[in-house]
Amino acid sequence: MKRQKRDMHARAYKRGYLAGVSGKSKDTCPIEQPEVRQEWLNGWREGRQDNWEGMTGVSGIHRLADVTSA
């Protein structure tokens, strides 16, 4: 049985969120494609906001699960 590839946009959002929560700069975005890069930046913004609100560590990971399932 074949595995389906993950959605590139969701994956970029998740990685951007994790970078934002950990306090990394948005300049560290490794993605070149404009649409996927925008998803990474959206995730990064959400992650930075959660970082500023104190949602780091386990609470940030739980937030990520809520955000990606919506």
Protein backbone atom coordinates (compact mmCIF):
# COMPACT_ATOMS: atom_id res chain seq x y z
CA MET A 1 0.00 0.00 0.00
CA LYS A 2 1.38 3.40 -0.97
CA ARG A 3 1.82 6.17 1.55
CA GLN A 4 0.43 9.55 0.73
CA LYS A 5 2.88 12.40 0.82
CA ARG A 6 2.28 14.99 3.46
CA ASP A 7 0.86 18.29 2.42
CA MET A 8 3.82 20.62 1.84
CA HIS A 9 1.87 23.63 3.10
CA ALA A 10 0.91 21.98 6.39
CA ARG A 11 4.46 20.75 6.88
CA ALA A 12 5.89 24.21 6.23
CA TYR A 13 3.39 25.77 8.65
CA LYS A 14 4.33 23.29 11.37
CA ARG A 15 8.05 23.85 10.92
CA GLY A 16 7.54 27.62 10.91
CA TYR A 17 5.48 27.38 14.09
CA LEU A 18 8.18 25.36 15.82
CA ALA A 19 10.81 27.89 14.75
CA GLY A 20 8.68 30.75 16.07
CA VAL A 21 7.99 29.10 19.42
CA SER A 22 11.69 28.43 19.89
CA GLY A 23 12.46 32.12 19.24
CA LYS A 24 14.26 31.80 15.93
CA SER A 25 14.37 34.64 13.42
CA LYS A 26 12.10 34.59 10.39
CA ASP A 27 15.24 35.04 8.29
CA THR A 28 16.03 31.37 8.96
CA CYS A 29 13.21 30.25 6.64
CA PRO A 30 14.73 27.52 4.42
CA ILE A 31 11.96 27.56 1.80
CA GLU A 32 12.29 29.23 -1.61
CA GLN A 33 8.84 28.58 -3.15
CA PRO A 34 6.65 31.67 -2.54
CA GLU A 35 3.39 29.87 -1.59
CA VAL A 36 5.04 27.41 0.75
CA ARG A 37 7.29 30.13 2.20
CA GLN A 38 4.18 32.15 3.08
CA GLU A 39 2.79 29.18 5.01
CA TRP A 40 6.08 28.89 6.91
CA LEU A 41 5.91 32.59 7.78
CA ASN A 42 2.28 32.26 8.91
CA GLY A 43 3.31 29.43 11.21
CA TRP A 44 6.29 31.44 12.43
CA ARG A 45 4.05 34.40 13.32
CA GLU A 46 1.68 32.15 15.28
CA GLY A 47 4.64 30.55 17.04
CA ARG A 48 6.17 33.90 17.97
CA GLN A 49 2.84 35.11 19.32
CA ASP A 50 2.50 31.97 21.44
CA ASN A 51 6.11 32.41 22.60
CA TRP A 52 5.37 35.95 23.73
CA GLU A 53 2.26 34.72 25.55
CA GLY A 54 4.36 32.17 27.44
CA MET A 55 3.21 29.06 25.58
CA THR A 56 6.58 27.38 25.33
CA GLY A 57 7.56 23.77 25.84
CA VAL A 58 4.69 21.33 26.25
CA SER A 59 1.93 23.95 26.11
CA GLY A 60 3.27 25.18 22.76
CA ILE A 61 3.25 21.67 21.35
CA HIS A 62 -0.37 21.17 22.43
CA ARG A 63 -1.25 24.45 20.72
CA LEU A 64 0.40 23.21 17.53
CA ALA A 65 -1.80 20.11 17.56
CA ASP A 66 -4.89 22.34 17.85
CA VAL A 67 -3.77 24.69 15.09
CA THR A 68 -2.80 22.03 12.53
CA SER A 69 -6.00 20.00 12.98
CA ALA A 70 -8.25 23.00 12.27
